[in-house]
Amino acid sequence: MNDKKTSFLDNIEEYISTFLFIALIILCFLQILFRFVFNFSLSWTEELSRYVFIALVYFSASLAVVRGAHVRVEVIDGFVKGKNKKILDSIVDLSFASFMVWVGYYGLELSVDALAIEQTTPALEWQAGWVYAIIPFTFYLIALRLVQRVYRRVTGKLEQEYAPSEAEEALQKIKDERGNK
């Protein structure tokens, strides 16, 4: 049971991103259907699809941290090996996490301020503060995932440091084929 719970929590961003992507497709389909078939525009689908897209981007950014798929400059990696590389990668991840906490803090201020003045969204008339809350929530989630990554790196539980690119996978496949001949 504990493994299932841990697995679910480790993959929560994937589940949320998948749900948001499906919701975005449905909302866009509804907008097109009503606009071009029924000659009637649903204003709420446009606004909601915008918020869903923003949430999708932020949750997917957290998923990229979990998978080690963020873009990175690897110039220094060629010069640093072993324990020093782990230290350097941990410093980079903790710096990134600090920046995420900083942005999350100001995102939280934005959300609280919007709630205080009772600002609402144009079409849906939702309280904007709750919509803006996606910023601090996801940025704190990204920071948590980065700290979790450092912890797993230090304890040796990090399965894969970085996701291999398609080019790296293709090169490895060629090397494997040449080795088998």
Protein backbone atom coordinates (compact mmCIF):
# COMPACT_ATOMS: atom_id res chain seq x y z
CA MET A 1 0.00 0.00 0.00
CA ASN A 2 2.82 2.39 0.86
CA ASP A 3 4.41 1.84 -2.56
CA LYS A 4 1.12 2.68 -4.31
CA LYS A 5 0.73 5.82 -2.20
CA THR A 6 4.31 6.93 -2.90
CA SER A 7 3.92 6.14 -6.59
CA PHE A 8 0.68 8.16 -6.75
CA LEU A 9 2.29 11.16 -5.04
CA ASP A 10 5.37 10.91 -7.26
CA ASN A 11 3.15 11.00 -10.34
CA ILE A 12 0.51 13.50 -9.20
CA GLU A 13 1.72 16.15 -11.66
CA GLU A 14 1.33 13.68 -14.53
CA TYR A 15 -2.26 12.88 -13.53
CA ILE A 16 -3.16 16.55 -13.10
CA SER A 17 -1.46 17.55 -16.36
CA THR A 18 -3.27 14.79 -18.25
CA PHE A 19 -6.62 15.87 -16.81
CA LEU A 20 -5.93 19.53 -17.63
CA PHE A 21 -4.85 18.68 -21.19
CA ILE A 22 -8.05 16.69 -21.80
CA ALA A 23 -10.11 19.53 -20.29
CA LEU A 24 -8.33 22.02 -22.57
CA ILE A 25 -9.12 19.92 -25.65
CA ILE A 26 -12.79 19.66 -24.65
CA LEU A 27 -13.06 23.40 -23.96
CA CYS A 28 -11.45 24.30 -27.29
CA PHE A 29 -13.70 21.83 -29.10
CA LEU A 30 -16.77 23.39 -27.47
CA GLN A 31 -15.62 26.87 -28.45
CA ILE A 32 -15.11 25.83 -32.09
CA LEU A 33 -18.37 23.88 -32.19
CA PHE A 34 -20.46 26.75 -30.85
CA ARG A 35 -18.69 29.44 -32.85
CA PHE A 36 -18.70 27.79 -36.28
CA VAL A 37 -21.64 25.37 -36.12
CA PHE A 38 -24.13 27.27 -33.98
CA ASN A 39 -22.86 30.80 -34.76
CA PHE A 40 -22.80 31.53 -31.06
CA SER A 41 -19.73 32.23 -28.95
CA LEU A 42 -19.38 30.95 -25.41
CA SER A 43 -17.29 33.56 -23.61
CA TRP A 44 -16.70 31.38 -20.56
CA THR A 45 -14.97 28.61 -22.57
CA GLU A 46 -12.36 31.04 -23.83
CA GLU A 47 -11.60 32.34 -20.34
CA LEU A 48 -11.65 28.92 -18.70
CA SER A 49 -9.41 27.44 -21.40
CA ARG A 50 -6.90 30.23 -20.72
CA TYR A 51 -6.80 29.38 -17.00
CA VAL A 52 -6.61 25.65 -17.71
CA PHE A 53 -3.72 26.24 -20.12
CA ILE A 54 -1.82 28.31 -17.55
CA ALA A 55 -2.32 25.63 -14.89
CA LEU A 56 -1.24 22.97 -17.41
CA VAL A 57 2.01 24.82 -18.09
CA TYR A 58 2.88 25.18 -14.41
CA PHE A 59 2.00 21.59 -13.46
CA SER A 60 3.96 20.37 -16.48
CA ALA A 61 6.96 22.41 -15.31
CA SER A 62 6.80 20.54 -12.02
CA LEU A 63 6.52 17.26 -13.93
CA ALA A 64 9.64 18.22 -15.91
CA VAL A 65 11.52 18.62 -12.61
CA VAL A 66 10.40 15.15 -11.49
CA ARG A 67 11.59 13.66 -14.79
CA GLY A 68 14.78 15.74 -15.01
CA ALA A 69 13.63 17.12 -18.35
CA HIS A 70 14.25 20.85 -17.90
CA VAL A 71 16.57 22.56 -20.35
CA ARG A 72 20.04 22.96 -18.88
CA VAL A 73 23.42 24.23 -19.95
CA GLU A 74 25.87 21.34 -19.73
CA VAL A 75 29.14 23.13 -20.51
CA ILE A 76 30.49 22.74 -16.98
CA ASP A 77 29.29 19.13 -16.70
CA GLY A 78 32.11 17.98 -18.97
CA PHE A 79 34.70 19.32 -16.55
CA VAL A 80 33.13 18.18 -13.29
CA LYS A 81 32.73 14.49 -12.43
CA GLY A 82 31.68 12.25 -9.56
CA LYS A 83 31.00 13.75 -6.15
CA ASN A 84 31.76 17.31 -7.33
CA LYS A 85 29.12 16.96 -10.06
CA LYS A 86 26.55 15.89 -7.47
CA ILE A 87 27.47 18.90 -5.34
CA LEU A 88 27.24 21.27 -8.32
CA ASP A 89 23.90 19.80 -9.44
CA SER A 90 22.57 20.12 -5.89
CA ILE A 91 23.66 23.77 -5.70
CA VAL A 92 21.95 24.48 -9.03
CA ASP A 93 18.74 22.71 -7.93
CA LEU A 94 18.68 24.52 -4.57
CA SER A 95 19.26 27.87 -6.31
CA PHE A 96 16.39 27.08 -8.67
CA ALA A 97 14.23 26.08 -5.68
CA SER A 98 15.06 29.38 -3.93
CA PHE A 99 13.95 31.29 -7.01
CA MET A 100 10.71 29.28 -7.13
CA VAL A 101 10.02 30.10 -3.47
CA TRP A 102 10.69 33.79 -4.17
CA VAL A 103 8.29 33.86 -7.14
CA GLY A 104 5.78 31.81 -5.15
CA TYR A 105 5.92 34.32 -2.30
CA TYR A 106 5.08 37.23 -4.60
CA GLY A 107 2.44 35.13 -6.33
CA LEU A 108 0.87 34.51 -2.94
CA GLU A 109 0.88 38.26 -2.26
CA LEU A 110 -0.86 38.81 -5.61
CA SER A 111 -3.49 36.21 -4.75
CA VAL A 112 -4.14 37.62 -1.28
CA ASP A 113 -4.38 41.18 -2.63
CA ALA A 114 -6.86 40.09 -5.32
CA LEU A 115 -8.96 38.33 -2.68
CA ALA A 116 -8.83 41.39 -0.41
CA ILE A 117 -10.24 43.71 -3.07
CA GLU A 118 -12.68 41.03 -4.26
CA GLN A 119 -11.45 41.18 -7.84
CA THR A 120 -13.38 38.85 -10.15
CA THR A 121 -12.65 37.32 -13.54
CA PRO A 122 -14.51 38.87 -16.50
CA ALA A 123 -16.68 36.06 -17.90
CA LEU A 124 -16.80 33.48 -15.13
CA GLU A 125 -16.95 36.05 -12.32
CA TRP A 126 -14.75 33.88 -10.11
CA GLN A 127 -12.66 35.51 -7.43
CA ALA A 128 -9.40 36.25 -9.21
CA GLY A 129 -7.35 35.53 -6.10
CA TRP A 130 -8.25 31.85 -6.33
CA VAL A 131 -7.30 31.78 -10.01
CA TYR A 132 -3.99 33.53 -9.24
CA ALA A 133 -3.34 31.00 -6.45
CA ILE A 134 -2.16 28.54 -9.10
CA ILE A 135 1.10 30.54 -9.25
CA PRO A 136 2.23 30.14 -5.63
CA PHE A 137 0.85 26.61 -5.40
CA THR A 138 2.71 25.29 -8.43
CA PHE A 139 5.89 27.26 -7.77
CA TYR A 140 6.04 25.89 -4.21
CA LEU A 141 5.38 22.44 -5.67
CA ILE A 142 8.31 22.90 -8.09
CA ALA A 143 10.52 24.02 -5.18
CA LEU A 144 9.43 20.96 -3.18
CA ARG A 145 10.25 18.69 -6.13
CA LEU A 146 13.68 20.29 -6.49
CA VAL A 147 14.46 19.78 -2.80
CA GLN A 148 13.16 16.21 -3.11
CA ARG A 149 15.50 15.74 -6.09
CA VAL A 150 18.49 16.96 -4.06
CA TYR A 151 17.53 14.65 -1.19
CA ARG A 152 17.26 11.67 -3.54
CA ARG A 153 20.58 12.58 -5.15
CA VAL A 154 22.34 12.81 -1.78
CA THR A 155 20.84 9.56 -0.47
CA GLY A 156 21.50 7.71 -3.74
CA LYS A 157 17.80 7.13 -4.44
CA LEU A 158 17.69 9.25 -7.60
CA GLU A 159 17.00 6.72 -10.35
CA GLN A 160 17.84 8.93 -13.32
CA GLU A 161 19.65 12.27 -13.07
CA TYR A 162 18.39 13.76 -16.33
CA ALA A 163 16.11 12.51 -19.05
CA PRO A 164 18.14 11.64 -22.13
CA SER A 165 17.39 13.71 -25.20
CA GLU A 166 16.23 12.09 -28.42
CA ALA A 167 19.67 12.74 -29.90
CA GLU A 168 21.37 11.01 -26.96
CA GLU A 169 19.03 8.04 -27.28
CA ALA A 170 19.71 7.82 -31.04
CA LEU A 171 23.47 7.96 -30.47
CA GLN A 172 23.24 5.26 -27.81
CA LYS A 173 21.20 3.08 -30.17
CA ILE A 174 23.85 3.48 -32.91
CA LYS A 175 26.62 2.64 -30.43
CA ASP A 176 24.72 -0.45 -29.27
CA GLU A 177 24.16 -1.61 -32.86
CA ARG A 178 27.84 -1.16 -33.71
CA GLY A 179 28.83 -3.04 -30.59
CA ASN A 180 26.62 -6.00 -31.50
CA LYS A 181 28.16 -6.41 -35.00
